[in-house]
Amino acid sequence: MPSLYTTIEIYASRHKVWNTLFRKEAWMYWNTFLYDCDARRPFEQGREVWLSVRRTPGDEETEFQPLVTLIQPEICLRWVSSIPGFVNEHVFELQEIGRDRTQYTHRETFSGPLTRLILPFIRQDEHQGIRRMARELKRYVEDRG
């Protein structure tokens, strides 16, 4: 299965990184890739949330309603979104790598028969978006000391 990922080291505790990532209603303050469309729908395993994505600055937002498939506090958040023939899974992982040091990894995996048609059109912008989100998360968490 094709996938994209980025990893970045954040100089903050895993707890602090998790709280920033998990509070999607506060994404507007730091995240220019993913947006919360309904703060009344918090992340809950087995439930859908309503989000949108802007792959590059200035692009139109694309709304989607992924199903949250896994929540492991301070370790992992995973959701799956799909349209007929195309499935996209987002995985956010946090690993403690030292005192007040966290490795953040954001991975996307694509599957389904339409992947070969859709992925070439979004691959580069999607990858830039997940890298931008990682840098923004790092900057926001570290700046908040």
Protein backbone atom coordinates (compact mmCIF):
# COMPACT_ATOMS: atom_id res chain seq x y z
CA MET A 1 0.00 0.00 0.00
CA PRO A 2 1.30 3.45 -0.84
CA SER A 3 2.01 5.69 2.13
CA LEU A 4 3.38 9.08 3.12
CA TYR A 5 4.93 9.99 6.43
CA THR A 6 6.90 12.57 8.32
CA THR A 7 8.72 12.46 11.63
CA ILE A 8 9.95 15.34 13.75
CA GLU A 9 11.50 15.70 17.18
CA ILE A 10 9.65 18.04 19.51
CA TYR A 11 11.33 19.41 22.62
CA ALA A 12 8.37 18.89 24.94
CA SER A 13 6.82 16.08 26.94
CA ARG A 14 4.68 13.51 25.20
CA HIS A 15 1.81 14.63 27.44
CA LYS A 16 2.06 18.22 26.19
CA VAL A 17 2.31 17.17 22.52
CA TRP A 18 -0.67 14.82 22.90
CA ASN A 19 -2.85 17.49 24.52
CA THR A 20 -2.12 19.90 21.68
CA LEU A 21 -2.75 17.30 18.98
CA PHE A 22 -5.86 15.79 20.56
CA ARG A 23 -7.67 19.10 21.14
CA LYS A 24 -8.85 19.57 17.56
CA GLU A 25 -11.00 22.57 18.55
CA ALA A 26 -7.71 24.46 19.15
CA TRP A 27 -6.12 23.47 15.84
CA MET A 28 -7.10 26.86 14.42
CA TYR A 29 -4.31 28.41 16.49
CA TRP A 30 -1.48 26.40 14.95
CA ASN A 31 -2.57 23.95 12.23
CA THR A 32 -2.90 25.09 8.60
CA PHE A 33 -3.30 21.55 7.18
CA LEU A 34 -6.23 20.03 9.10
CA TYR A 35 -9.24 21.93 10.41
CA ASP A 36 -11.96 21.07 12.89
CA CYS A 37 -15.42 21.60 11.39
CA ASP A 38 -17.44 20.68 14.47
CA ALA A 39 -15.98 21.18 17.96
CA ARG A 40 -19.05 19.47 19.42
CA ARG A 41 -17.70 16.16 18.06
CA PRO A 42 -14.54 15.37 20.05
CA PHE A 43 -12.31 12.47 19.13
CA GLU A 44 -13.97 9.28 20.39
CA GLN A 45 -12.99 5.81 19.28
CA GLY A 46 -15.67 4.32 17.02
CA ARG A 47 -17.23 7.70 16.14
CA GLU A 48 -16.95 9.99 13.16
CA VAL A 49 -15.60 13.52 13.37
CA TRP A 50 -16.02 16.29 10.84
CA LEU A 51 -12.76 17.71 9.52
CA SER A 52 -11.38 19.48 6.49
CA VAL A 53 -7.97 19.51 4.87
CA ARG A 54 -6.09 22.26 3.02
CA ARG A 55 -3.14 20.59 1.33
CA THR A 56 -1.42 23.82 0.32
CA PRO A 57 -1.94 27.38 1.60
CA GLY A 58 -4.57 29.14 -0.48
CA ASP A 59 -6.24 25.92 -1.66
CA GLU A 60 -9.89 25.25 -1.10
CA GLU A 61 -10.65 23.12 1.94
CA THR A 62 -11.88 19.58 1.36
CA GLU A 63 -14.28 18.35 4.02
CA PHE A 64 -14.39 14.72 5.14
CA GLN A 65 -15.83 12.67 7.98
CA PRO A 66 -13.32 10.09 9.15
CA LEU A 67 -14.06 7.30 11.58
CA VAL A 68 -11.77 7.35 14.64
CA THR A 69 -10.45 3.79 14.87
CA LEU A 70 -7.91 4.04 17.70
CA ILE A 71 -7.16 6.32 20.61
CA GLN A 72 -4.25 5.41 22.87
CA PRO A 73 -3.74 8.50 25.03
CA GLU A 74 -0.27 10.01 24.63
CA ILE A 75 0.67 7.25 22.17
CA CYS A 76 -1.54 7.02 19.09
CA LEU A 77 -4.53 8.56 17.29
CA ARG A 78 -5.82 6.86 14.14
CA TRP A 79 -8.71 7.50 11.79
CA VAL A 80 -9.91 6.21 8.44
CA SER A 81 -11.76 8.14 5.75
CA SER A 82 -13.06 6.66 2.55
CA ILE A 83 -15.00 7.19 -0.61
CA PRO A 84 -16.00 4.27 -2.81
CA GLY A 85 -12.76 2.79 -4.13
CA PHE A 86 -10.37 4.93 -2.07
CA VAL A 87 -9.39 4.60 1.61
CA ASN A 88 -7.06 6.95 3.49
CA GLU A 89 -5.81 6.13 6.99
CA HIS A 90 -4.11 8.79 9.15
CA VAL A 91 -1.94 7.65 12.06
CA PHE A 92 -0.39 10.04 14.57
CA GLU A 93 2.17 8.43 16.88
CA LEU A 94 4.09 9.88 19.80
CA GLN A 95 7.19 8.27 21.24
CA GLU A 96 9.07 9.55 24.27
CA ILE A 97 12.75 9.74 23.29
CA GLY A 98 14.16 11.52 26.34
CA ARG A 99 13.29 13.93 29.07
CA ASP A 100 10.89 16.45 27.50
CA ARG A 101 11.64 15.10 24.03
CA THR A 102 8.98 13.47 21.86
CA GLN A 103 9.17 11.95 18.41
CA TYR A 104 6.02 12.80 16.45
CA THR A 105 5.18 10.70 13.40
CA HIS A 106 2.27 11.33 11.03
CA ARG A 107 1.65 8.58 8.51
CA GLU A 108 -0.98 8.24 5.81
CA THR A 109 -1.70 4.95 4.06
CA PHE A 110 -3.81 4.68 0.93
CA SER A 111 -5.69 1.67 -0.42
CA GLY A 112 -8.50 0.75 -2.77
CA PRO A 113 -8.77 0.38 -6.54
CA LEU A 114 -8.91 4.16 -7.16
CA THR A 115 -5.63 4.81 -5.33
CA ARG A 116 -3.65 4.57 -8.58
CA LEU A 117 -5.89 7.25 -10.12
CA ILE A 118 -6.23 9.67 -7.18
CA LEU A 119 -2.85 9.49 -5.45
CA PRO A 120 -0.73 10.96 -8.28
CA PHE A 121 -2.86 14.14 -8.10
CA ILE A 122 -2.55 14.65 -4.34
CA ARG A 123 0.70 12.93 -3.33
CA GLN A 124 3.07 15.90 -3.42
CA ASP A 125 0.66 18.41 -1.86
CA GLU A 126 -0.48 15.90 0.78
CA HIS A 127 3.11 15.15 1.76
CA GLN A 128 3.91 18.86 2.00
CA GLY A 129 0.79 19.29 4.16
CA ILE A 130 1.71 16.61 6.70
CA ARG A 131 5.26 17.99 6.93
CA ARG A 132 3.89 21.52 7.40
CA MET A 133 1.58 20.27 10.17
CA ALA A 134 4.51 18.60 11.95
CA ARG A 135 6.57 21.81 11.85
CA GLU A 136 3.60 23.86 13.07
CA LEU A 137 2.92 21.45 15.93
CA LYS A 138 6.58 21.57 16.94
CA ARG A 139 6.71 25.36 16.83
CA TYR A 140 3.43 25.80 18.75
CA VAL A 141 4.27 23.31 21.51
CA GLU A 142 7.84 24.49 21.96
CA ASP A 143 6.88 28.18 21.93
CA ARG A 144 4.31 27.58 24.67
CA GLY A 145 7.18 26.40 26.83
